[in-house]
Protein backbone atom coordinates (compact mmCIF):
# COMPACT_ATOMS: atom_id res chain seq x y z
CA UNK A 1 0.00 0.00 0.00
CA UNK A 2 1.39 3.40 -0.95
CA UNK A 3 -0.13 6.85 -0.57
CA UNK A 4 0.81 10.53 -0.27
CA UNK A 5 -0.31 12.91 2.47
CA UNK A 6 -0.07 16.63 1.96
CA UNK A 7 1.19 17.41 5.45
CA UNK A 8 4.45 18.85 6.73
CA UNK A 9 5.06 18.15 10.45
CA UNK A 10 7.28 20.57 12.35
CA UNK A 11 10.87 19.45 12.72
CA UNK A 12 12.59 18.31 15.90
CA UNK A 13 14.26 21.68 16.53
CA UNK A 14 10.94 23.57 16.51
CA UNK A 15 9.31 20.86 18.65
CA UNK A 16 12.10 20.94 21.24
CA UNK A 17 11.92 24.75 21.37
CA UNK A 18 8.17 24.50 22.04
CA UNK A 19 8.74 21.83 24.68
CA UNK A 20 11.33 23.95 26.46
CA UNK A 21 9.14 27.03 26.42
CA UNK A 22 5.98 25.29 27.65
CA UNK A 23 5.45 21.54 28.05
CA UNK A 24 1.76 21.88 27.24
CA UNK A 25 2.59 23.55 23.93
CA UNK A 26 4.60 20.53 22.77
CA UNK A 27 1.80 18.20 23.82
CA UNK A 28 -0.68 20.27 21.83
CA UNK A 29 1.58 20.09 18.76
CA UNK A 30 1.76 16.29 18.92
CA UNK A 31 -1.98 16.00 19.45
CA UNK A 32 -2.69 18.33 16.50
CA UNK A 33 -0.32 16.36 14.25
CA UNK A 34 -1.90 13.05 15.20
CA UNK A 35 -5.39 14.41 14.53
CA UNK A 36 -4.35 15.92 11.19
CA UNK A 37 -2.90 12.61 9.97
CA UNK A 38 -5.98 10.78 11.26
CA UNK A 39 -8.23 13.07 9.20
CA UNK A 40 -6.04 12.94 6.09
CA UNK A 41 -6.02 9.12 6.10
CA UNK A 42 -9.55 8.43 7.33
CA UNK A 43 -10.58 6.56 4.18
CA UNK A 44 -7.48 4.36 4.01
CA UNK A 45 -7.00 0.94 5.59
CA UNK A 46 -4.09 -1.43 5.25
CA UNK A 47 -5.53 -4.87 4.43
CA UNK A 48 -2.30 -6.88 4.35
CA UNK A 49 -0.67 -9.05 6.97
CA UNK A 50 1.58 -8.13 9.87
CA UNK A 51 4.34 -7.39 10.77
CA UNK A 52 4.98 -4.56 8.34
CA UNK A 53 7.79 -2.34 7.14
CA UNK A 54 7.04 1.38 6.85
CA UNK A 55 8.85 3.62 4.38
CA UNK A 56 8.33 7.34 4.91
CA UNK A 57 9.61 9.58 2.11
CA UNK A 58 9.68 13.22 3.20
CA UNK A 59 9.45 15.77 0.38
CA UNK A 60 11.69 18.83 0.61
CA UNK A 61 11.85 21.93 -1.55
CA UNK A 62 15.58 22.40 -0.93
CA UNK A 63 18.54 20.94 0.95
CA UNK A 64 18.55 23.45 3.82
CA UNK A 65 17.02 20.98 6.29
CA UNK A 66 18.32 17.84 7.96
CA UNK A 67 16.79 14.43 7.34
CA UNK A 68 17.27 13.60 11.03
CA UNK A 69 15.04 16.57 11.90
CA UNK A 70 11.97 14.81 10.46
CA UNK A 71 9.58 14.02 13.34
CA UNK A 72 7.48 11.04 12.32
CA UNK A 73 5.99 10.10 15.72
CA UNK A 74 2.78 12.06 15.10
CA UNK A 75 2.53 10.59 11.60
CA UNK A 76 2.66 6.99 12.81
CA UNK A 77 0.33 7.69 15.75
CA UNK A 78 -2.11 9.29 13.30
CA UNK A 79 -2.00 6.17 11.12
CA UNK A 80 -2.97 4.10 14.15
CA UNK A 81 -5.69 6.50 15.35
CA UNK A 82 -7.10 6.73 11.84
CA UNK A 83 -7.29 2.95 11.56
CA UNK A 84 -4.84 2.65 8.68
CA UNK A 85 -2.66 0.26 10.69
CA UNK A 86 -3.75 -1.62 13.78
CA UNK A 87 -0.88 -0.69 16.13
CA UNK A 88 2.61 0.79 16.18
CA UNK A 89 4.17 -1.71 18.57
CA UNK A 90 6.97 -4.12 17.64
CA UNK A 91 4.51 -6.89 16.85
CA UNK A 92 3.07 -4.74 14.03
CA UNK A 93 5.95 -2.58 12.78
CA UNK A 94 9.24 -4.33 12.29
CA UNK A 95 11.14 -1.65 10.37
CA UNK A 96 10.86 2.07 9.60
CA UNK A 97 12.79 3.57 6.68
CA UNK A 98 13.18 7.32 6.28
CA UNK A 99 13.95 8.72 2.84
CA UNK A 100 14.01 12.15 1.26
CA UNK A 101 12.88 13.53 -2.07
CA UNK A 102 13.58 16.98 -3.50
CA UNK A 103 10.71 18.53 -5.46
CA UNK A 104 8.04 21.19 -5.02
CA UNK A 105 5.91 19.12 -2.64
CA UNK A 106 6.11 19.37 1.16
CA UNK A 107 4.26 16.21 2.18
CA UNK A 108 5.08 12.58 2.89
CA UNK A 109 4.86 9.42 0.80
CA UNK A 110 3.97 6.46 2.99
CA UNK A 111 4.53 2.89 1.90
CA UNK A 112 3.33 -0.06 3.97
CA UNK A 113 4.60 -3.52 3.09
CA UNK A 114 4.11 -6.85 4.75
CA UNK A 115 7.37 -8.36 5.97
CA UNK A 116 8.32 -11.30 3.79
CA UNK A 117 9.38 -14.31 5.81
C-alpha atoms as a PDB file:
ATOM      1  CA  UNK A   1       0.000   0.000   0.000  1.00  0.00           C
ATOM      2  CA  UNK A   2       1.394   3.396  -0.955  1.00  0.00           C
ATOM      3  CA  UNK A   3      -0.133   6.855  -0.570  1.00  0.00           C
ATOM      4  CA  UNK A   4       0.811  10.529  -0.270  1.00  0.00           C
ATOM      5  CA  UNK A   5      -0.315  12.910   2.466  1.00  0.00           C
ATOM      6  CA  UNK A   6      -0.073  16.628   1.962  1.00  0.00           C
ATOM      7  CA  UNK A   7       1.194  17.413   5.452  1.00  0.00           C
ATOM      8  CA  UNK A   8       4.451  18.854   6.735  1.00  0.00           C
ATOM      9  CA  UNK A   9       5.061  18.148  10.446  1.00  0.00           C
ATOM     10  CA  UNK A  10       7.276  20.566  12.347  1.00  0.00           C
ATOM     11  CA  UNK A  11      10.866  19.447  12.724  1.00  0.00           C
ATOM     12  CA  UNK A  12      12.593  18.310  15.900  1.00  0.00           C
ATOM     13  CA  UNK A  13      14.260  21.680  16.526  1.00  0.00           C
ATOM     14  CA  UNK A  14      10.945  23.570  16.514  1.00  0.00           C
ATOM     15  CA  UNK A  15       9.307  20.863  18.646  1.00  0.00           C
ATOM     16  CA  UNK A  16      12.101  20.943  21.236  1.00  0.00           C
ATOM     17  CA  UNK A  17      11.921  24.752  21.372  1.00  0.00           C
ATOM     18  CA  UNK A  18       8.169  24.502  22.035  1.00  0.00           C
ATOM     19  CA  UNK A  19       8.743  21.829  24.685  1.00  0.00           C
ATOM     20  CA  UNK A  20      11.328  23.952  26.457  1.00  0.00           C
ATOM     21  CA  UNK A  21       9.139  27.034  26.424  1.00  0.00           C
ATOM     22  CA  UNK A  22       5.980  25.294  27.650  1.00  0.00           C
ATOM     23  CA  UNK A  23       5.449  21.540  28.053  1.00  0.00           C
ATOM     24  CA  UNK A  24       1.759  21.885  27.244  1.00  0.00           C
ATOM     25  CA  UNK A  25       2.589  23.553  23.927  1.00  0.00           C
ATOM     26  CA  UNK A  26       4.598  20.532  22.769  1.00  0.00           C
ATOM     27  CA  UNK A  27       1.803  18.197  23.821  1.00  0.00           C
ATOM     28  CA  UNK A  28      -0.678  20.273  21.829  1.00  0.00           C
ATOM     29  CA  UNK A  29       1.580  20.088  18.764  1.00  0.00           C
ATOM     30  CA  UNK A  30       1.764  16.289  18.918  1.00  0.00           C
ATOM     31  CA  UNK A  31      -1.979  15.999  19.453  1.00  0.00           C
ATOM     32  CA  UNK A  32      -2.692  18.328  16.501  1.00  0.00           C
ATOM     33  CA  UNK A  33      -0.324  16.357  14.251  1.00  0.00           C
ATOM     34  CA  UNK A  34      -1.899  13.051  15.205  1.00  0.00           C
ATOM     35  CA  UNK A  35      -5.392  14.406  14.531  1.00  0.00           C
ATOM     36  CA  UNK A  36      -4.350  15.919  11.188  1.00  0.00           C
ATOM     37  CA  UNK A  37      -2.897  12.612   9.967  1.00  0.00           C
ATOM     38  CA  UNK A  38      -5.982  10.781  11.256  1.00  0.00           C
ATOM     39  CA  UNK A  39      -8.225  13.069   9.198  1.00  0.00           C
ATOM     40  CA  UNK A  40      -6.042  12.939   6.087  1.00  0.00           C
ATOM     41  CA  UNK A  41      -6.020   9.118   6.104  1.00  0.00           C
ATOM     42  CA  UNK A  42      -9.555   8.428   7.333  1.00  0.00           C
ATOM     43  CA  UNK A  43     -10.581   6.556   4.176  1.00  0.00           C
ATOM     44  CA  UNK A  44      -7.483   4.358   4.012  1.00  0.00           C
ATOM     45  CA  UNK A  45      -6.999   0.940   5.591  1.00  0.00           C
ATOM     46  CA  UNK A  46      -4.088  -1.435   5.249  1.00  0.00           C
ATOM     47  CA  UNK A  47      -5.531  -4.869   4.426  1.00  0.00           C
ATOM     48  CA  UNK A  48      -2.304  -6.880   4.351  1.00  0.00           C
ATOM     49  CA  UNK A  49      -0.666  -9.045   6.969  1.00  0.00           C
ATOM     50  CA  UNK A  50       1.578  -8.129   9.869  1.00  0.00           C
ATOM     51  CA  UNK A  51       4.341  -7.388  10.771  1.00  0.00           C
ATOM     52  CA  UNK A  52       4.977  -4.555   8.338  1.00  0.00           C
ATOM     53  CA  UNK A  53       7.788  -2.336   7.139  1.00  0.00           C
ATOM     54  CA  UNK A  54       7.043   1.382   6.853  1.00  0.00           C
ATOM     55  CA  UNK A  55       8.846   3.616   4.385  1.00  0.00           C
ATOM     56  CA  UNK A  56       8.331   7.336   4.914  1.00  0.00           C
ATOM     57  CA  UNK A  57       9.605   9.575   2.114  1.00  0.00           C
ATOM     58  CA  UNK A  58       9.677  13.216   3.201  1.00  0.00           C
ATOM     59  CA  UNK A  59       9.454  15.770   0.384  1.00  0.00           C
ATOM     60  CA  UNK A  60      11.687  18.830   0.614  1.00  0.00           C
ATOM     61  CA  UNK A  61      11.852  21.928  -1.553  1.00  0.00           C
ATOM     62  CA  UNK A  62      15.583  22.399  -0.929  1.00  0.00           C
ATOM     63  CA  UNK A  63      18.539  20.936   0.954  1.00  0.00           C
ATOM     64  CA  UNK A  64      18.553  23.452   3.821  1.00  0.00           C
ATOM     65  CA  UNK A  65      17.019  20.980   6.290  1.00  0.00           C
ATOM     66  CA  UNK A  66      18.321  17.844   7.964  1.00  0.00           C
ATOM     67  CA  UNK A  67      16.791  14.432   7.344  1.00  0.00           C
ATOM     68  CA  UNK A  68      17.274  13.603  11.030  1.00  0.00           C
ATOM     69  CA  UNK A  69      15.039  16.566  11.897  1.00  0.00           C
ATOM     70  CA  UNK A  70      11.967  14.812  10.460  1.00  0.00           C
ATOM     71  CA  UNK A  71       9.577  14.023  13.341  1.00  0.00           C
ATOM     72  CA  UNK A  72       7.477  11.040  12.318  1.00  0.00           C
ATOM     73  CA  UNK A  73       5.990  10.096  15.720  1.00  0.00           C
ATOM     74  CA  UNK A  74       2.776  12.061  15.103  1.00  0.00           C
ATOM     75  CA  UNK A  75       2.529  10.591  11.604  1.00  0.00           C
ATOM     76  CA  UNK A  76       2.656   6.993  12.814  1.00  0.00           C
ATOM     77  CA  UNK A  77       0.328   7.693  15.754  1.00  0.00           C
ATOM     78  CA  UNK A  78      -2.110   9.290  13.298  1.00  0.00           C
ATOM     79  CA  UNK A  79      -2.005   6.169  11.115  1.00  0.00           C
ATOM     80  CA  UNK A  80      -2.971   4.102  14.147  1.00  0.00           C
ATOM     81  CA  UNK A  81      -5.691   6.502  15.352  1.00  0.00           C
ATOM     82  CA  UNK A  82      -7.102   6.731  11.839  1.00  0.00           C
ATOM     83  CA  UNK A  83      -7.290   2.954  11.564  1.00  0.00           C
ATOM     84  CA  UNK A  84      -4.840   2.651   8.682  1.00  0.00           C
ATOM     85  CA  UNK A  85      -2.662   0.257  10.690  1.00  0.00           C
ATOM     86  CA  UNK A  86      -3.745  -1.623  13.782  1.00  0.00           C
ATOM     87  CA  UNK A  87      -0.882  -0.685  16.133  1.00  0.00           C
ATOM     88  CA  UNK A  88       2.611   0.787  16.177  1.00  0.00           C
ATOM     89  CA  UNK A  89       4.171  -1.708  18.567  1.00  0.00           C
ATOM     90  CA  UNK A  90       6.975  -4.119  17.645  1.00  0.00           C
ATOM     91  CA  UNK A  91       4.505  -6.888  16.845  1.00  0.00           C
ATOM     92  CA  UNK A  92       3.070  -4.744  14.029  1.00  0.00           C
ATOM     93  CA  UNK A  93       5.945  -2.575  12.776  1.00  0.00           C
ATOM     94  CA  UNK A  94       9.236  -4.331  12.287  1.00  0.00           C
ATOM     95  CA  UNK A  95      11.138  -1.655  10.374  1.00  0.00           C
ATOM     96  CA  UNK A  96      10.860   2.066   9.603  1.00  0.00           C
ATOM     97  CA  UNK A  97      12.786   3.572   6.683  1.00  0.00           C
ATOM     98  CA  UNK A  98      13.183   7.316   6.283  1.00  0.00           C
ATOM     99  CA  UNK A  99      13.948   8.724   2.840  1.00  0.00           C
ATOM    100  CA  UNK A 100      14.014  12.152   1.260  1.00  0.00           C
ATOM    101  CA  UNK A 101      12.879  13.531  -2.066  1.00  0.00           C
ATOM    102  CA  UNK A 102      13.579  16.984  -3.499  1.00  0.00           C
ATOM    103  CA  UNK A 103      10.709  18.534  -5.457  1.00  0.00           C
ATOM    104  CA  UNK A 104       8.042  21.194  -5.023  1.00  0.00           C
ATOM    105  CA  UNK A 105       5.908  19.121  -2.635  1.00  0.00           C
ATOM    106  CA  UNK A 106       6.111  19.375   1.160  1.00  0.00           C
ATOM    107  CA  UNK A 107       4.265  16.208   2.175  1.00  0.00           C
ATOM    108  CA  UNK A 108       5.079  12.583   2.894  1.00  0.00           C
ATOM    109  CA  UNK A 109       4.858   9.424   0.800  1.00  0.00           C
ATOM    110  CA  UNK A 110       3.966   6.458   2.992  1.00  0.00           C
ATOM    111  CA  UNK A 111       4.527   2.889   1.901  1.00  0.00           C
ATOM    112  CA  UNK A 112       3.331  -0.060   3.973  1.00  0.00           C
ATOM    113  CA  UNK A 113       4.605  -3.520   3.090  1.00  0.00           C
ATOM    114  CA  UNK A 114       4.108  -6.851   4.747  1.00  0.00           C
ATOM    115  CA  UNK A 115       7.375  -8.361   5.973  1.00  0.00           C
ATOM    116  CA  UNK A 116       8.325 -11.302   3.793  1.00  0.00           C
ATOM    117  CA  UNK A 117       9.384 -14.313   5.808  1.00  0.00           C
END
